[in-house]
């Protein structure tokens, strides 16, 4: 029963809105970074390496039929993987920076210290004496 109540608390708590907002921002920024890598970063790198398009780089594993059918060969597309890996590195760097900034700016509120046990007993004793 503990797991169900924990899930209910999670699903109905305020953290759900925060999590949904984070996911939406993450998806939007992921698309933006993917476009940055594929449309801005990789073309100059491809030109510098002799005019290659990274998305098209691959190794042909097998043919898929005849010439009349117009089927594409089965490819191991390592160029697309390289692009995705660069996307991942940039996204992780951005997340790291955001977390560092958020934790640095997080102000911890000091706990108010209440009276000690001895002080409380002294107050009770003094009240009883009056």
Protein backbone atom coordinates (compact mmCIF):
# COMPACT_ATOMS: atom_id res chain seq x y z
CA UNK A 1 0.00 0.00 0.00
CA UNK A 2 2.95 2.33 0.59
CA UNK A 3 3.89 2.47 -3.09
CA UNK A 4 0.36 3.44 -4.15
CA UNK A 5 0.15 6.23 -1.57
CA UNK A 6 3.62 7.46 -2.58
CA UNK A 7 2.54 7.56 -6.23
CA UNK A 8 -0.69 9.37 -5.35
CA UNK A 9 1.29 11.96 -3.39
CA UNK A 10 3.70 12.36 -6.32
CA UNK A 11 0.97 12.58 -8.98
CA UNK A 12 -1.21 15.02 -7.08
CA UNK A 13 1.57 17.08 -5.53
CA UNK A 14 3.00 20.33 -6.81
CA UNK A 15 6.06 18.54 -8.19
CA UNK A 16 4.03 17.19 -11.11
CA UNK A 17 3.57 20.67 -12.59
CA UNK A 18 7.28 21.40 -12.13
CA UNK A 19 8.19 18.11 -13.80
CA UNK A 20 5.82 18.69 -16.74
CA UNK A 21 7.22 22.17 -17.26
CA UNK A 22 10.76 20.80 -17.22
CA UNK A 23 9.88 18.10 -19.75
CA UNK A 24 8.26 20.59 -22.13
CA UNK A 25 11.24 22.95 -21.90
CA UNK A 26 13.60 19.99 -22.38
CA UNK A 27 11.83 18.78 -25.51
CA UNK A 28 11.75 22.27 -27.01
CA UNK A 29 15.40 22.94 -26.24
CA UNK A 30 16.35 19.46 -27.54
CA UNK A 31 14.81 20.28 -30.92
CA UNK A 32 16.55 23.63 -30.94
CA UNK A 33 19.92 22.05 -30.18
CA UNK A 34 19.36 19.32 -32.81
CA UNK A 35 18.74 22.03 -35.38
CA UNK A 36 21.82 23.93 -34.19
CA UNK A 37 23.99 20.85 -34.64
CA UNK A 38 22.56 19.61 -37.95
CA UNK A 39 22.06 23.01 -39.62
CA UNK A 40 24.81 25.21 -38.17
CA UNK A 41 27.64 23.17 -36.65
CA UNK A 42 27.91 20.09 -38.89
CA UNK A 43 27.86 21.74 -42.37
CA UNK A 44 31.10 23.70 -41.81
CA UNK A 45 32.72 20.59 -40.31
CA UNK A 46 31.60 18.61 -43.36
CA UNK A 47 33.04 21.22 -45.72
CA UNK A 48 36.32 21.22 -43.78
CA UNK A 49 36.48 17.41 -44.14
CA UNK A 50 36.11 17.52 -47.91
CA UNK A 51 32.44 18.28 -48.50
CA UNK A 52 30.80 15.37 -46.69
CA UNK A 53 27.28 15.40 -45.26
CA UNK A 54 27.41 13.69 -41.89
CA UNK A 55 23.78 12.59 -42.08
CA UNK A 56 24.62 10.57 -45.22
CA UNK A 57 27.77 8.91 -43.90
CA UNK A 58 27.28 5.19 -43.50
CA UNK A 59 28.36 1.68 -44.33
CA UNK A 60 26.25 -0.49 -46.63
CA UNK A 61 25.47 -3.77 -44.86
CA UNK A 62 23.25 -5.43 -47.48
CA UNK A 63 21.09 -4.82 -50.54
CA UNK A 64 17.34 -5.09 -50.02
CA UNK A 65 16.10 -6.31 -53.33
CA UNK A 66 16.41 -5.55 -56.97
CA UNK A 67 16.94 -2.39 -58.90
CA UNK A 68 13.31 -2.26 -60.10
CA UNK A 69 11.83 -2.16 -56.62
CA UNK A 70 13.72 0.99 -55.70
CA UNK A 71 14.45 -0.21 -52.18
CA UNK A 72 17.29 1.40 -50.27
CA UNK A 73 20.17 -0.75 -49.07
CA UNK A 74 20.46 -1.57 -45.36
CA UNK A 75 22.91 0.98 -43.96
CA UNK A 76 24.85 1.41 -40.76
CA UNK A 77 24.50 5.19 -40.47
CA UNK A 78 27.39 6.22 -38.28
CA UNK A 79 27.20 9.83 -39.50
CA UNK A 80 23.71 10.27 -38.06
CA UNK A 81 24.98 8.70 -34.84
CA UNK A 82 27.85 11.22 -34.66
CA UNK A 83 25.35 14.05 -35.09
CA UNK A 84 23.10 12.63 -32.35
CA UNK A 85 26.10 12.20 -30.06
CA UNK A 86 27.08 15.85 -30.51
CA UNK A 87 23.44 16.81 -29.78
CA UNK A 88 23.65 14.76 -26.58
CA UNK A 89 26.91 16.37 -25.48
CA UNK A 90 25.57 19.88 -25.99
CA UNK A 91 22.29 19.09 -24.18
CA UNK A 92 24.18 17.56 -21.25
CA UNK A 93 26.45 20.61 -21.06
CA UNK A 94 23.42 22.92 -21.00
CA UNK A 95 21.69 20.83 -18.32
CA UNK A 96 24.90 20.79 -16.26
CA UNK A 97 25.18 24.58 -16.46
CA UNK A 98 21.52 25.05 -15.52
CA UNK A 99 21.81 22.71 -12.52
CA UNK A 100 25.02 24.43 -11.38
CA UNK A 101 23.37 27.86 -11.58
CA UNK A 102 20.21 26.65 -9.86
CA UNK A 103 22.07 25.03 -6.98
CA UNK A 104 24.41 27.97 -6.55
CA UNK A 105 21.52 30.44 -6.33
CA UNK A 106 19.46 28.26 -4.03
CA UNK A 107 19.39 30.03 -0.70
CA UNK A 108 19.11 27.75 2.23
CA UNK A 109 16.93 29.18 4.93
CA UNK A 110 18.45 28.73 8.34
CA UNK A 111 16.33 26.77 10.74
CA UNK A 112 15.05 28.77 13.64
CA UNK A 113 16.40 27.25 16.75
CA UNK A 114 13.87 26.94 19.48
CA UNK A 115 14.61 26.93 23.16
CA UNK A 116 16.69 24.06 24.44
CA UNK A 117 15.24 21.42 26.72
CA UNK A 118 16.92 23.01 29.73
CA UNK A 119 15.45 26.43 28.88
CA UNK A 120 11.96 24.95 28.57
CA UNK A 121 12.30 23.16 31.91
CA UNK A 122 13.52 26.39 33.50
CA UNK A 123 10.48 28.26 32.11
CA UNK A 124 8.12 25.56 33.42
CA UNK A 125 9.78 25.64 36.85
CA UNK A 126 9.55 29.42 36.99
CA UNK A 127 5.87 29.34 35.94
CA UNK A 128 5.06 26.75 38.63
CA UNK A 129 6.92 28.78 41.23
CA UNK A 130 4.75 31.84 40.55
